[in-house]
PDB file of N, CA and C in Angstrom:
ATOM      1  N   UNK A   1     -20.534  -0.494  -2.040  1.00  0.00           N
ATOM      2  CA  UNK A   1     -19.547   0.365  -1.982  1.00  0.00           C
ATOM      3  C   UNK A   1     -18.532  -0.343  -0.910  1.00  0.00           C
ATOM      4  N   UNK A   2     -17.141   0.151  -1.244  1.00  0.00           N
ATOM      5  CA  UNK A   2     -16.134  -0.348  -0.480  1.00  0.00           C
ATOM      6  C   UNK A   2     -15.323   0.310   0.660  1.00  0.00           C
ATOM      7  N   UNK A   3     -15.198   0.169   1.664  1.00  0.00           N
ATOM      8  CA  UNK A   3     -14.469   1.303   2.662  1.00  0.00           C
ATOM      9  C   UNK A   3     -12.927   0.570   3.153  1.00  0.00           C
ATOM     10  N   UNK A   4     -11.720   1.146   2.871  1.00  0.00           N
ATOM     11  CA  UNK A   4     -10.534   0.735   3.132  1.00  0.00           C
ATOM     12  C   UNK A   4     -10.117   1.617   4.297  1.00  0.00           C
ATOM     13  N   UNK A   5      -9.201   0.641   5.099  1.00  0.00           N
ATOM     14  CA  UNK A   5      -8.651   0.892   6.386  1.00  0.00           C
ATOM     15  C   UNK A   5      -7.108   0.375   6.214  1.00  0.00           C
ATOM     16  N   UNK A   6      -6.172   1.441   6.594  1.00  0.00           N
ATOM     17  CA  UNK A   6      -5.030   0.813   6.381  1.00  0.00           C
ATOM     18  C   UNK A   6      -4.617   0.934   7.824  1.00  0.00           C
ATOM     19  N   UNK A   7      -3.201   0.234   8.070  1.00  0.00           N
ATOM     20  CA  UNK A   7      -2.904   0.214   9.693  1.00  0.00           C
ATOM     21  C   UNK A   7      -1.463  -0.270   9.439  1.00  0.00           C
ATOM     22  N   UNK A   8      -0.729  -0.324  10.420  1.00  0.00           N
ATOM     23  CA  UNK A   8       0.849  -0.456  10.462  1.00  0.00           C
ATOM     24  C   UNK A   8       1.800   0.769  10.271  1.00  0.00           C
ATOM     25  N   UNK A   9       1.557   1.697  10.277  1.00  0.00           N
ATOM     26  CA  UNK A   9       2.658   2.866   9.959  1.00  0.00           C
ATOM     27  C   UNK A   9       3.386   3.029  11.340  1.00  0.00           C
ATOM     28  N   UNK A  10       4.151   4.163  11.118  1.00  0.00           N
ATOM     29  CA  UNK A  10       4.813   4.209  12.350  1.00  0.00           C
ATOM     30  C   UNK A  10       6.586   4.935  12.004  1.00  0.00           C
ATOM     31  N   UNK A  11       7.119   4.658  13.499  1.00  0.00           N
ATOM     32  CA  UNK A  11       8.554   5.542  13.004  1.00  0.00           C
ATOM     33  C   UNK A  11       9.435   4.173  13.308  1.00  0.00           C
ATOM     34  N   UNK A  12      10.392   4.380  12.257  1.00  0.00           N
ATOM     35  CA  UNK A  12      11.405   3.468  12.180  1.00  0.00           C
ATOM     36  C   UNK A  12      12.687   3.909  11.589  1.00  0.00           C
ATOM     37  N   UNK A  13      13.786   3.326  12.096  1.00  0.00           N
ATOM     38  CA  UNK A  13      15.001   3.813  12.056  1.00  0.00           C
ATOM     39  C   UNK A  13      15.411   3.354  10.223  1.00  0.00           C
ATOM     40  N   UNK A  14      16.456   3.827  10.014  1.00  0.00           N
ATOM     41  CA  UNK A  14      16.876   3.271   8.199  1.00  0.00           C
ATOM     42  C   UNK A  14      17.518   1.798   8.384  1.00  0.00           C
ATOM     43  N   UNK A  15      17.215   1.080   7.370  1.00  0.00           N
ATOM     44  CA  UNK A  15      17.370  -0.260   7.746  1.00  0.00           C
ATOM     45  C   UNK A  15      16.403  -0.847   8.070  1.00  0.00           C
ATOM     46  N   UNK A  16      15.590  -0.444   8.789  1.00  0.00           N
ATOM     47  CA  UNK A  16      14.306  -1.458   9.491  1.00  0.00           C
ATOM     48  C   UNK A  16      12.992  -1.570   8.680  1.00  0.00           C
ATOM     49  N   UNK A  17      12.023  -2.333   9.362  1.00  0.00           N
ATOM     50  CA  UNK A  17      11.308  -2.892   8.659  1.00  0.00           C
ATOM     51  C   UNK A  17       9.567  -2.504   9.089  1.00  0.00           C
ATOM     52  N   UNK A  18       8.863  -2.764   8.593  1.00  0.00           N
ATOM     53  CA  UNK A  18       7.505  -2.275   8.717  1.00  0.00           C
ATOM     54  C   UNK A  18       6.202  -3.029   7.776  1.00  0.00           C
ATOM     55  N   UNK A  19       5.297  -3.543   8.074  1.00  0.00           N
ATOM     56  CA  UNK A  19       4.465  -4.076   7.365  1.00  0.00           C
ATOM     57  C   UNK A  19       2.992  -3.513   7.882  1.00  0.00           C
ATOM     58  N   UNK A  20       2.655  -2.588   6.217  1.00  0.00           N
ATOM     59  CA  UNK A  20       1.507  -2.317   6.393  1.00  0.00           C
ATOM     60  C   UNK A  20       0.195  -2.982   5.911  1.00  0.00           C
ATOM     61  N   UNK A  21      -1.017  -2.792   6.393  1.00  0.00           N
ATOM     62  CA  UNK A  21      -2.381  -3.756   6.308  1.00  0.00           C
ATOM     63  C   UNK A  21      -3.048  -3.020   5.733  1.00  0.00           C
ATOM     64  N   UNK A  22      -3.822  -3.551   4.778  1.00  0.00           N
ATOM     65  CA  UNK A  22      -5.103  -2.704   4.346  1.00  0.00           C
ATOM     66  C   UNK A  22      -6.310  -3.936   4.331  1.00  0.00           C
ATOM     67  N   UNK A  23      -7.712  -3.599   4.827  1.00  0.00           N
ATOM     68  CA  UNK A  23      -8.858  -4.304   5.075  1.00  0.00           C
ATOM     69  C   UNK A  23     -10.003  -3.507   4.497  1.00  0.00           C
ATOM     70  N   UNK A  24     -10.423  -4.061   3.549  1.00  0.00           N
ATOM     71  CA  UNK A  24     -11.889  -3.845   2.902  1.00  0.00           C
ATOM     72  C   UNK A  24     -13.086  -4.375   3.688  1.00  0.00           C
ATOM     73  N   UNK A  25     -13.836  -3.493   4.024  1.00  0.00           N
ATOM     74  CA  UNK A  25     -15.469  -3.740   4.191  1.00  0.00           C
ATOM     75  C   UNK A  25     -16.269  -3.238   3.028  1.00  0.00           C
ATOM     76  N   UNK A  26     -17.456  -3.970   3.422  1.00  0.00           N
ATOM     77  CA  UNK A  26     -18.373  -3.571   2.145  1.00  0.00           C
ATOM     78  C   UNK A  26     -18.656  -4.786   1.231  1.00  0.00           C
ATOM     79  N   UNK A  27     -18.839  -4.174  -0.046  1.00  0.00           N
ATOM     80  CA  UNK A  27     -19.125  -5.142  -1.076  1.00  0.00           C
ATOM     81  C   UNK A  27     -17.461  -5.744  -1.675  1.00  0.00           C
ATOM     82  N   UNK A  28     -16.926  -6.377  -1.239  1.00  0.00           N
ATOM     83  CA  UNK A  28     -15.659  -6.901  -1.332  1.00  0.00           C
ATOM     84  C   UNK A  28     -15.381  -7.804  -2.363  1.00  0.00           C
ATOM     85  N   UNK A  29     -16.722  -8.226  -2.947  1.00  0.00           N
ATOM     86  CA  UNK A  29     -16.534  -9.058  -4.078  1.00  0.00           C
ATOM     87  C   UNK A  29     -16.293  -8.227  -5.573  1.00  0.00           C
ATOM     88  N   UNK A  30     -16.779  -6.882  -5.383  1.00  0.00           N
ATOM     89  CA  UNK A  30     -16.828  -6.165  -6.256  1.00  0.00           C
ATOM     90  C   UNK A  30     -14.999  -5.667  -6.696  1.00  0.00           C
ATOM     91  N   UNK A  31     -14.257  -5.998  -5.720  1.00  0.00           N
ATOM     92  CA  UNK A  31     -12.903  -5.543  -5.797  1.00  0.00           C
ATOM     93  C   UNK A  31     -12.088  -6.018  -6.715  1.00  0.00           C
ATOM     94  N   UNK A  32     -11.348  -5.288  -7.840  1.00  0.00           N
ATOM     95  CA  UNK A  32     -11.044  -6.237  -8.851  1.00  0.00           C
ATOM     96  C   UNK A  32      -9.481  -6.483  -8.736  1.00  0.00           C
ATOM     97  N   UNK A  33      -8.689  -5.367  -8.092  1.00  0.00           N
ATOM     98  CA  UNK A  33      -7.407  -5.888  -7.535  1.00  0.00           C
ATOM     99  C   UNK A  33      -7.231  -4.587  -6.617  1.00  0.00           C
ATOM    100  N   UNK A  34      -5.984  -4.730  -5.609  1.00  0.00           N
ATOM    101  CA  UNK A  34      -5.394  -3.476  -5.000  1.00  0.00           C
ATOM    102  C   UNK A  34      -4.054  -3.183  -5.442  1.00  0.00           C
ATOM    103  N   UNK A  35      -3.837  -2.058  -4.697  1.00  0.00           N
ATOM    104  CA  UNK A  35      -2.580  -1.329  -4.922  1.00  0.00           C
ATOM    105  C   UNK A  35      -2.304  -0.454  -3.908  1.00  0.00           C
ATOM    106  N   UNK A  36      -0.842   0.078  -4.017  1.00  0.00           N
ATOM    107  CA  UNK A  36      -0.396   0.506  -2.489  1.00  0.00           C
ATOM    108  C   UNK A  36       0.108   2.094  -3.173  1.00  0.00           C
ATOM    109  N   UNK A  37      -0.117   3.135  -2.972  1.00  0.00           N
ATOM    110  CA  UNK A  37       0.537   4.515  -2.838  1.00  0.00           C
ATOM    111  C   UNK A  37       0.985   4.974  -1.913  1.00  0.00           C
ATOM    112  N   UNK A  38       1.865   6.356  -2.289  1.00  0.00           N
ATOM    113  CA  UNK A  38       2.489   7.122  -1.258  1.00  0.00           C
ATOM    114  C   UNK A  38       2.604   8.340  -1.843  1.00  0.00           C
ATOM    115  N   UNK A  39       2.502   9.011  -0.491  1.00  0.00           N
ATOM    116  CA  UNK A  39       2.767  10.688  -1.156  1.00  0.00           C
ATOM    117  C   UNK A  39       3.606  11.237   0.023  1.00  0.00           C
ATOM    118  N   UNK A  40       4.646  11.740  -0.211  1.00  0.00           N
ATOM    119  CA  UNK A  40       5.612  12.477   0.525  1.00  0.00           C
ATOM    120  C   UNK A  40       5.029  14.038   0.714  1.00  0.00           C
ATOM    121  N   UNK A  41       5.908  15.032   1.678  1.00  0.00           N
ATOM    122  CA  UNK A  41       5.781  16.227   1.821  1.00  0.00           C
ATOM    123  C   UNK A  41       6.025  17.037   0.636  1.00  0.00           C
ATOM    124  N   UNK A  42       5.114  17.679  -0.146  1.00  0.00           N
ATOM    125  CA  UNK A  42       5.401  18.461  -1.046  1.00  0.00           C
ATOM    126  C   UNK A  42       5.450  18.015  -2.573  1.00  0.00           C
ATOM    127  N   UNK A  43       5.334  16.502  -2.523  1.00  0.00           N
ATOM    128  CA  UNK A  43       5.379  15.838  -3.588  1.00  0.00           C
ATOM    129  C   UNK A  43       4.046  15.186  -4.132  1.00  0.00           C
ATOM    130  N   UNK A  44       3.947  14.660  -5.431  1.00  0.00           N
ATOM    131  CA  UNK A  44       2.337  14.114  -5.620  1.00  0.00           C
ATOM    132  C   UNK A  44       2.752  12.726  -5.236  1.00  0.00           C
ATOM    133  N   UNK A  45       1.011  11.996  -5.323  1.00  0.00           N
ATOM    134  CA  UNK A  45       0.911  10.853  -4.728  1.00  0.00           C
ATOM    135  C   UNK A  45       1.659   9.673  -5.941  1.00  0.00           C
ATOM    136  N   UNK A  46       2.411   8.983  -5.425  1.00  0.00           N
ATOM    137  CA  UNK A  46       3.044   8.079  -6.330  1.00  0.00           C
ATOM    138  C   UNK A  46       2.772   6.529  -6.246  1.00  0.00           C
ATOM    139  N   UNK A  47       3.149   6.011  -7.218  1.00  0.00           N
ATOM    140  CA  UNK A  47       2.639   4.280  -7.263  1.00  0.00           C
ATOM    141  C   UNK A  47       3.817   3.781  -6.419  1.00  0.00           C
ATOM    142  N   UNK A  48       3.149   2.764  -5.589  1.00  0.00           N
ATOM    143  CA  UNK A  48       4.540   1.707  -4.983  1.00  0.00           C
ATOM    144  C   UNK A  48       4.267   0.657  -5.757  1.00  0.00           C
ATOM    145  N   UNK A  49       3.169  -0.338  -5.493  1.00  0.00           N
ATOM    146  CA  UNK A  49       2.694  -1.383  -6.040  1.00  0.00           C
ATOM    147  C   UNK A  49       1.597  -1.974  -6.279  1.00  0.00           C
ATOM    148  N   UNK A  50       1.045  -2.663  -7.125  1.00  0.00           N
ATOM    149  CA  UNK A  50      -0.112  -3.128  -7.162  1.00  0.00           C
ATOM    150  C   UNK A  50      -0.472  -4.533  -8.076  1.00  0.00           C
ATOM    151  N   UNK A  51      -1.212  -4.928  -7.847  1.00  0.00           N
ATOM    152  CA  UNK A  51      -1.529  -6.408  -8.435  1.00  0.00           C
ATOM    153  C   UNK A  51      -2.652  -6.455  -9.674  1.00  0.00           C
ATOM    154  N   UNK A  52      -1.894  -7.155 -10.644  1.00  0.00           N
ATOM    155  CA  UNK A  52      -2.758  -6.718 -11.967  1.00  0.00           C
ATOM    156  C   UNK A  52      -3.588  -8.242 -12.102  1.00  0.00           C
ATOM    157  N   UNK A  53      -4.322  -7.739 -12.920  1.00  0.00           N
ATOM    158  CA  UNK A  53      -5.607  -8.866 -13.379  1.00  0.00           C
ATOM    159  C   UNK A  53      -5.110 -10.542 -13.476  1.00  0.00           C
ATOM    160  N   UNK A  54      -3.686 -10.558 -13.796  1.00  0.00           N
ATOM    161  CA  UNK A  54      -2.913 -11.900 -13.838  1.00  0.00           C
ATOM    162  C   UNK A  54      -2.394 -12.460 -12.856  1.00  0.00           C
ATOM    163  N   UNK A  55      -2.621 -11.664 -11.931  1.00  0.00           N
ATOM    164  CA  UNK A  55      -2.622 -11.966 -10.349  1.00  0.00           C
ATOM    165  C   UNK A  55      -0.743 -11.669 -10.170  1.00  0.00           C
ATOM    166  N   UNK A  56      -0.170 -10.964 -10.966  1.00  0.00           N
ATOM    167  CA  UNK A  56       0.934 -10.680 -10.949  1.00  0.00           C
ATOM    168  C   UNK A  56       1.173  -9.467 -10.457  1.00  0.00           C
ATOM    169  N   UNK A  57       2.343  -9.057  -9.655  1.00  0.00           N
ATOM    170  CA  UNK A  57       2.343  -7.652  -8.876  1.00  0.00           C
ATOM    171  C   UNK A  57       3.502  -6.541  -9.730  1.00  0.00           C
ATOM    172  N   UNK A  58       3.394  -5.555  -9.627  1.00  0.00           N
ATOM    173  CA  UNK A  58       4.305  -4.533 -10.308  1.00  0.00           C
ATOM    174  C   UNK A  58       4.750  -3.406  -9.080  1.00  0.00           C
ATOM    175  N   UNK A  59       6.239  -3.180  -9.112  1.00  0.00           N
ATOM    176  CA  UNK A  59       6.753  -2.430  -8.301  1.00  0.00           C
ATOM    177  C   UNK A  59       7.366  -1.235  -9.007  1.00  0.00           C
ATOM    178  N   UNK A  60       6.876  -0.166  -8.270  1.00  0.00           N
ATOM    179  CA  UNK A  60       8.004   1.203  -8.621  1.00  0.00           C
ATOM    180  C   UNK A  60       9.531   0.607  -8.467  1.00  0.00           C
ATOM    181  N   UNK A  61      10.699   1.031  -9.266  1.00  0.00           N
ATOM    182  CA  UNK A  61      11.831   0.765  -9.294  1.00  0.00           C
ATOM    183  C   UNK A  61      12.625   1.074  -7.831  1.00  0.00           C
ATOM    184  N   UNK A  62      12.020   2.001  -7.421  1.00  0.00           N
ATOM    185  CA  UNK A  62      12.519   2.236  -6.235  1.00  0.00           C
ATOM    186  C   UNK A  62      12.478   1.675  -4.901  1.00  0.00           C
ATOM    187  N   UNK A  63      11.391   0.674  -4.708  1.00  0.00           N
ATOM    188  CA  UNK A  63      11.343  -0.349  -3.990  1.00  0.00           C
ATOM    189  C   UNK A  63      10.802  -1.752  -4.260  1.00  0.00           C
ATOM    190  N   UNK A  64      11.818  -1.890  -5.684  1.00  0.00           N
ATOM    191  CA  UNK A  64      11.719  -3.453  -6.050  1.00  0.00           C
ATOM    192  C   UNK A  64      12.718  -3.835  -5.159  1.00  0.00           C
ATOM    193  N   UNK A  65      12.698  -5.396  -4.757  1.00  0.00           N
ATOM    194  CA  UNK A  65      13.282  -5.818  -3.885  1.00  0.00           C
ATOM    195  C   UNK A  65      13.598  -5.617  -2.323  1.00  0.00           C
ATOM    196  N   UNK A  66      12.971  -4.658  -1.964  1.00  0.00           N
ATOM    197  CA  UNK A  66      12.640  -4.326  -0.659  1.00  0.00           C
ATOM    198  C   UNK A  66      11.451  -4.299  -0.274  1.00  0.00           C
ATOM    199  N   UNK A  67      10.322  -4.017  -0.656  1.00  0.00           N
ATOM    200  CA  UNK A  67       8.756  -4.332  -0.760  1.00  0.00           C
ATOM    201  C   UNK A  67       8.214  -5.397  -1.356  1.00  0.00           C
ATOM    202  N   UNK A  68       7.503  -5.976  -0.510  1.00  0.00           N
ATOM    203  CA  UNK A  68       6.448  -7.254  -0.845  1.00  0.00           C
ATOM    204  C   UNK A  68       5.049  -7.129  -0.747  1.00  0.00           C
ATOM    205  N   UNK A  69       4.301  -6.979  -1.706  1.00  0.00           N
ATOM    206  CA  UNK A  69       2.864  -6.853  -1.370  1.00  0.00           C
ATOM    207  C   UNK A  69       2.124  -7.958  -1.828  1.00  0.00           C
ATOM    208  N   UNK A  70       1.185  -8.536  -0.870  1.00  0.00           N
ATOM    209  CA  UNK A  70       0.500  -9.575  -0.880  1.00  0.00           C
ATOM    210  C   UNK A  70      -0.925  -9.017  -0.926  1.00  0.00           C
ATOM    211  N   UNK A  71      -2.171  -9.887  -1.555  1.00  0.00           N
ATOM    212  CA  UNK A  71      -3.361  -9.394  -1.577  1.00  0.00           C
ATOM    213  C   UNK A  71      -4.234 -10.526  -1.333  1.00  0.00           C
ATOM    214  N   UNK A  72      -5.550 -10.685  -0.566  1.00  0.00           N
ATOM    215  CA  UNK A  72      -6.134 -11.644  -0.967  1.00  0.00           C
ATOM    216  C   UNK A  72      -7.787 -11.014  -1.106  1.00  0.00           C
ATOM    217  N   UNK A  73      -8.082 -10.881  -2.333  1.00  0.00           N
ATOM    218  CA  UNK A  73      -9.331 -10.434  -2.889  1.00  0.00           C
ATOM    219  C   UNK A  73     -10.817 -11.167  -2.177  1.00  0.00           C
ATOM    220  N   UNK A  74     -10.564 -12.469  -1.897  1.00  0.00           N
ATOM    221  CA  UNK A  74     -11.461 -13.120  -1.196  1.00  0.00           C
ATOM    222  C   UNK A  74     -11.909 -12.674  -0.120  1.00  0.00           C
ATOM    223  N   UNK A  75     -10.683 -12.089   0.983  1.00  0.00           N
ATOM    224  CA  UNK A  75     -10.695 -11.684   2.122  1.00  0.00           C
ATOM    225  C   UNK A  75     -11.198 -10.327   2.123  1.00  0.00           C
ATOM    226  N   UNK A  76     -10.665  -9.450   1.092  1.00  0.00           N
ATOM    227  CA  UNK A  76     -10.269  -8.179   0.891  1.00  0.00           C
ATOM    228  C   UNK A  76      -9.745  -7.657   1.685  1.00  0.00           C
ATOM    229  N   UNK A  77      -8.049  -8.045   1.809  1.00  0.00           N
ATOM    230  CA  UNK A  77      -7.219  -7.783   2.373  1.00  0.00           C
ATOM    231  C   UNK A  77      -5.986  -7.661   2.035  1.00  0.00           C
ATOM    232  N   UNK A  78      -5.192  -6.892   2.215  1.00  0.00           N
ATOM    233  CA  UNK A  78      -3.521  -6.403   1.155  1.00  0.00           C
ATOM    234  C   UNK A  78      -2.532  -5.944   2.093  1.00  0.00           C
ATOM    235  N   UNK A  79      -1.396  -6.544   2.304  1.00  0.00           N
ATOM    236  CA  UNK A  79      -0.383  -6.077   3.011  1.00  0.00           C
ATOM    237  C   UNK A  79       0.734  -5.654   1.959  1.00  0.00           C
ATOM    238  N   UNK A  80       1.710  -5.094   2.580  1.00  0.00           N
ATOM    239  CA  UNK A  80       2.786  -4.050   2.048  1.00  0.00           C
ATOM    240  C   UNK A  80       4.021  -4.604   3.062  1.00  0.00           C
ATOM    241  N   UNK A  81       5.110  -5.353   2.709  1.00  0.00           N
ATOM    242  CA  UNK A  81       5.845  -5.491   3.605  1.00  0.00           C
ATOM    243  C   UNK A  81       7.386  -4.843   3.406  1.00  0.00           C
ATOM    244  N   UNK A  82       7.579  -3.951   4.040  1.00  0.00           N
ATOM    245  CA  UNK A  82       8.494  -2.867   3.267  1.00  0.00           C
ATOM    246  C   UNK A  82      10.037  -3.406   4.388  1.00  0.00           C
ATOM    247  N   UNK A  83      10.991  -3.857   3.746  1.00  0.00           N
ATOM    248  CA  UNK A  83      12.481  -4.031   4.540  1.00  0.00           C
ATOM    249  C   UNK A  83      13.306  -3.003   3.948  1.00  0.00           C
ATOM    250  N   UNK A  84      14.345  -2.770   4.754  1.00  0.00           N
ATOM    251  CA  UNK A  84      15.593  -2.009   4.401  1.00  0.00           C
ATOM    252  C   UNK A  84      15.055  -0.547   4.121  1.00  0.00           C
ATOM    253  N   UNK A  85      14.171   0.070   5.194  1.00  0.00           N
ATOM    254  CA  UNK A  85      13.961   1.316   4.464  1.00  0.00           C
ATOM    255  C   UNK A  85      15.103   2.513   4.539  1.00  0.00           C
ATOM    256  N   UNK A  86      14.386   3.244   3.877  1.00  0.00           N
ATOM    257  CA  UNK A  86      15.025   4.643   3.733  1.00  0.00           C
ATOM    258  C   UNK A  86      14.590   5.907   4.223  1.00  0.00           C
ATOM    259  N   UNK A  87      15.346   7.061   4.346  1.00  0.00           N
ATOM    260  CA  UNK A  87      14.699   7.967   4.503  1.00  0.00           C
ATOM    261  C   UNK A  87      13.453   8.439   3.270  1.00  0.00           C
ATOM    262  N   UNK A  88      14.074   8.377   2.354  1.00  0.00           N
ATOM    263  CA  UNK A  88      13.105   8.321   1.132  1.00  0.00           C
ATOM    264  C   UNK A  88      12.056   7.791   1.251  1.00  0.00           C
ATOM    265  N   UNK A  89      11.470   6.873   1.780  1.00  0.00           N
ATOM    266  CA  UNK A  89      10.465   5.931   1.962  1.00  0.00           C
ATOM    267  C   UNK A  89       9.460   6.582   2.851  1.00  0.00           C
ATOM    268  N   UNK A  90       9.823   7.902   3.225  1.00  0.00           N
ATOM    269  CA  UNK A  90       9.160   8.851   4.397  1.00  0.00           C
ATOM    270  C   UNK A  90       7.931   9.413   3.740  1.00  0.00           C
ATOM    271  N   UNK A  91       6.570   9.224   3.913  1.00  0.00           N
ATOM    272  CA  UNK A  91       5.046   9.505   3.365  1.00  0.00           C
ATOM    273  C   UNK A  91       4.238   8.743   4.179  1.00  0.00           C
ATOM    274  N   UNK A  92       3.228   9.257   3.766  1.00  0.00           N
ATOM    275  CA  UNK A  92       1.843   8.554   3.847  1.00  0.00           C
ATOM    276  C   UNK A  92       1.375   7.613   2.923  1.00  0.00           C
ATOM    277  N   UNK A  93       1.408   6.338   3.451  1.00  0.00           N
ATOM    278  CA  UNK A  93       0.833   5.395   2.714  1.00  0.00           C
ATOM    279  C   UNK A  93      -0.529   5.019   2.085  1.00  0.00           C
ATOM    280  N   UNK A  94      -0.877   4.951   1.007  1.00  0.00           N
ATOM    281  CA  UNK A  94      -2.479   4.759   0.844  1.00  0.00           C
ATOM    282  C   UNK A  94      -2.509   3.367   0.139  1.00  0.00           C
ATOM    283  N   UNK A  95      -3.722   3.024   0.604  1.00  0.00           N
ATOM    284  CA  UNK A  95      -4.039   1.424  -0.016  1.00  0.00           C
ATOM    285  C   UNK A  95      -5.177   1.981  -1.123  1.00  0.00           C
ATOM    286  N   UNK A  96      -5.450   1.507  -2.159  1.00  0.00           N
ATOM    287  CA  UNK A  96      -6.141   1.534  -3.139  1.00  0.00           C
ATOM    288  C   UNK A  96      -6.614   0.462  -3.669  1.00  0.00           C
ATOM    289  N   UNK A  97      -8.143   0.286  -3.900  1.00  0.00           N
ATOM    290  CA  UNK A  97      -8.732  -0.587  -4.354  1.00  0.00           C
ATOM    291  C   UNK A  97      -9.774  -0.327  -6.043  1.00  0.00           C
ATOM    292  N   UNK A  98      -9.387  -1.292  -6.538  1.00  0.00           N
ATOM    293  CA  UNK A  98     -10.067  -0.885  -8.129  1.00  0.00           C
ATOM    294  C   UNK A  98     -11.661  -1.491  -7.882  1.00  0.00           C
ATOM    295  N   UNK A  99     -12.646  -0.579  -8.162  1.00  0.00           N
ATOM    296  CA  UNK A  99     -14.087  -1.337  -7.683  1.00  0.00           C
ATOM    297  C   UNK A  99     -14.821  -0.805  -8.981  1.00  0.00           C
ATOM    298  N   UNK A 100     -15.519  -1.672  -9.477  1.00  0.00           N
ATOM    299  CA  UNK A 100     -16.424  -1.155 -10.555  1.00  0.00           C
ATOM    300  C   UNK A 100     -15.948  -0.288 -11.431  1.00  0.00           C
ATOM    301  N   UNK A 101     -14.073  -0.213 -12.013  1.00  0.00           N
ATOM    302  CA  UNK A 101     -13.910   0.533 -12.583  1.00  0.00           C
ATOM    303  C   UNK A 101     -13.409   1.897 -12.175  1.00  0.00           C
ATOM    304  N   UNK A 102     -13.725   2.369 -10.574  1.00  0.00           N
ATOM    305  CA  UNK A 102     -13.268   3.211  -9.988  1.00  0.00           C
ATOM    306  C   UNK A 102     -12.332   3.141  -8.941  1.00  0.00           C
ATOM    307  N   UNK A 103     -11.430   3.826  -8.626  1.00  0.00           N
ATOM    308  CA  UNK A 103     -10.365   3.831  -7.587  1.00  0.00           C
ATOM    309  C   UNK A 103     -11.374   4.092  -6.184  1.00  0.00           C
ATOM    310  N   UNK A 104     -11.094   3.344  -5.316  1.00  0.00           N
ATOM    311  CA  UNK A 104     -11.352   3.579  -3.586  1.00  0.00           C
ATOM    312  C   UNK A 104     -10.060   3.742  -2.808  1.00  0.00           C
ATOM    313  N   UNK A 105     -10.109   4.673  -1.826  1.00  0.00           N
ATOM    314  CA  UNK A 105      -8.955   5.129  -1.480  1.00  0.00           C
ATOM    315  C   UNK A 105      -9.026   4.711   0.090  1.00  0.00           C
ATOM    316  N   UNK A 106      -7.977   4.362   0.933  1.00  0.00           N
ATOM    317  CA  UNK A 106      -8.170   4.922   2.310  1.00  0.00           C
ATOM    318  C   UNK A 106      -7.797   5.820   2.680  1.00  0.00           C
ATOM    319  N   UNK A 107      -7.450   5.991   4.255  1.00  0.00           N
ATOM    320  CA  UNK A 107      -7.423   7.440   4.861  1.00  0.00           C
ATOM    321  C   UNK A 107      -5.644   7.685   4.912  1.00  0.00           C
ATOM    322  N   UNK A 108      -4.981   6.811   4.538  1.00  0.00           N
ATOM    323  CA  UNK A 108      -3.514   6.738   4.446  1.00  0.00           C
ATOM    324  C   UNK A 108      -2.919   6.185   6.286  1.00  0.00           C
ATOM    325  N   UNK A 109      -1.681   5.884   6.017  1.00  0.00           N
ATOM    326  CA  UNK A 109      -0.974   5.849   7.113  1.00  0.00           C
ATOM    327  C   UNK A 109       0.392   6.341   7.127  1.00  0.00           C
ATOM    328  N   UNK A 110       0.789   7.094   7.979  1.00  0.00           N
ATOM    329  CA  UNK A 110       2.156   7.616   7.989  1.00  0.00           C
ATOM    330  C   UNK A 110       3.456   6.807   8.526  1.00  0.00           C
ATOM    331  N   UNK A 111       4.320   6.838   7.428  1.00  0.00           N
ATOM    332  CA  UNK A 111       5.810   5.738   7.752  1.00  0.00           C
ATOM    333  C   UNK A 111       6.721   7.156   7.335  1.00  0.00           C
ATOM    334  N   UNK A 112       7.675   7.136   8.851  1.00  0.00           N
ATOM    335  CA  UNK A 112       8.727   7.751   9.079  1.00  0.00           C
ATOM    336  C   UNK A 112      10.078   6.942   9.206  1.00  0.00           C
ATOM    337  N   UNK A 113      10.886   7.607   8.372  1.00  0.00           N
ATOM    338  CA  UNK A 113      12.114   6.774   8.471  1.00  0.00           C
ATOM    339  C   UNK A 113      13.096   7.617   9.009  1.00  0.00           C
ATOM    340  N   UNK A 114      13.627   7.851  10.449  1.00  0.00           N
ATOM    341  CA  UNK A 114      14.500   8.593  10.804  1.00  0.00           C
ATOM    342  C   UNK A 114      15.136   7.985  11.763  1.00  0.00           C
ATOM    343  N   UNK A 115      16.415   8.402  11.885  1.00  0.00           N
ATOM    344  CA  UNK A 115      17.396   8.032  13.182  1.00  0.00           C
ATOM    345  C   UNK A 115      17.045   9.081  14.290  1.00  0.00           C
TER     346      UNK A 115
END
């Protein structure tokens, strides 16, 4: 069993930066890959970034060039560096791990982009 905890959210002005972190505990050797998702008020949860089995990372087009995801499966950690944040990036951000063919989710961390 794997448990995920996100941190690093907060309030930031447009154009600012935040770095989100995700730490896994438990059977981290069972993690196949990590992903980041977000959910804005009144909207469905949306894919942001994820690492593929070949080690490459896919990004949603809306964050490409602004967000960078890093993961270390051996350590059970993942991060999401977010630059040039926009008001549309306001959402709860969730870390996700694929564990034995199933998705495990963290509790989420709030990111608010506002002046």
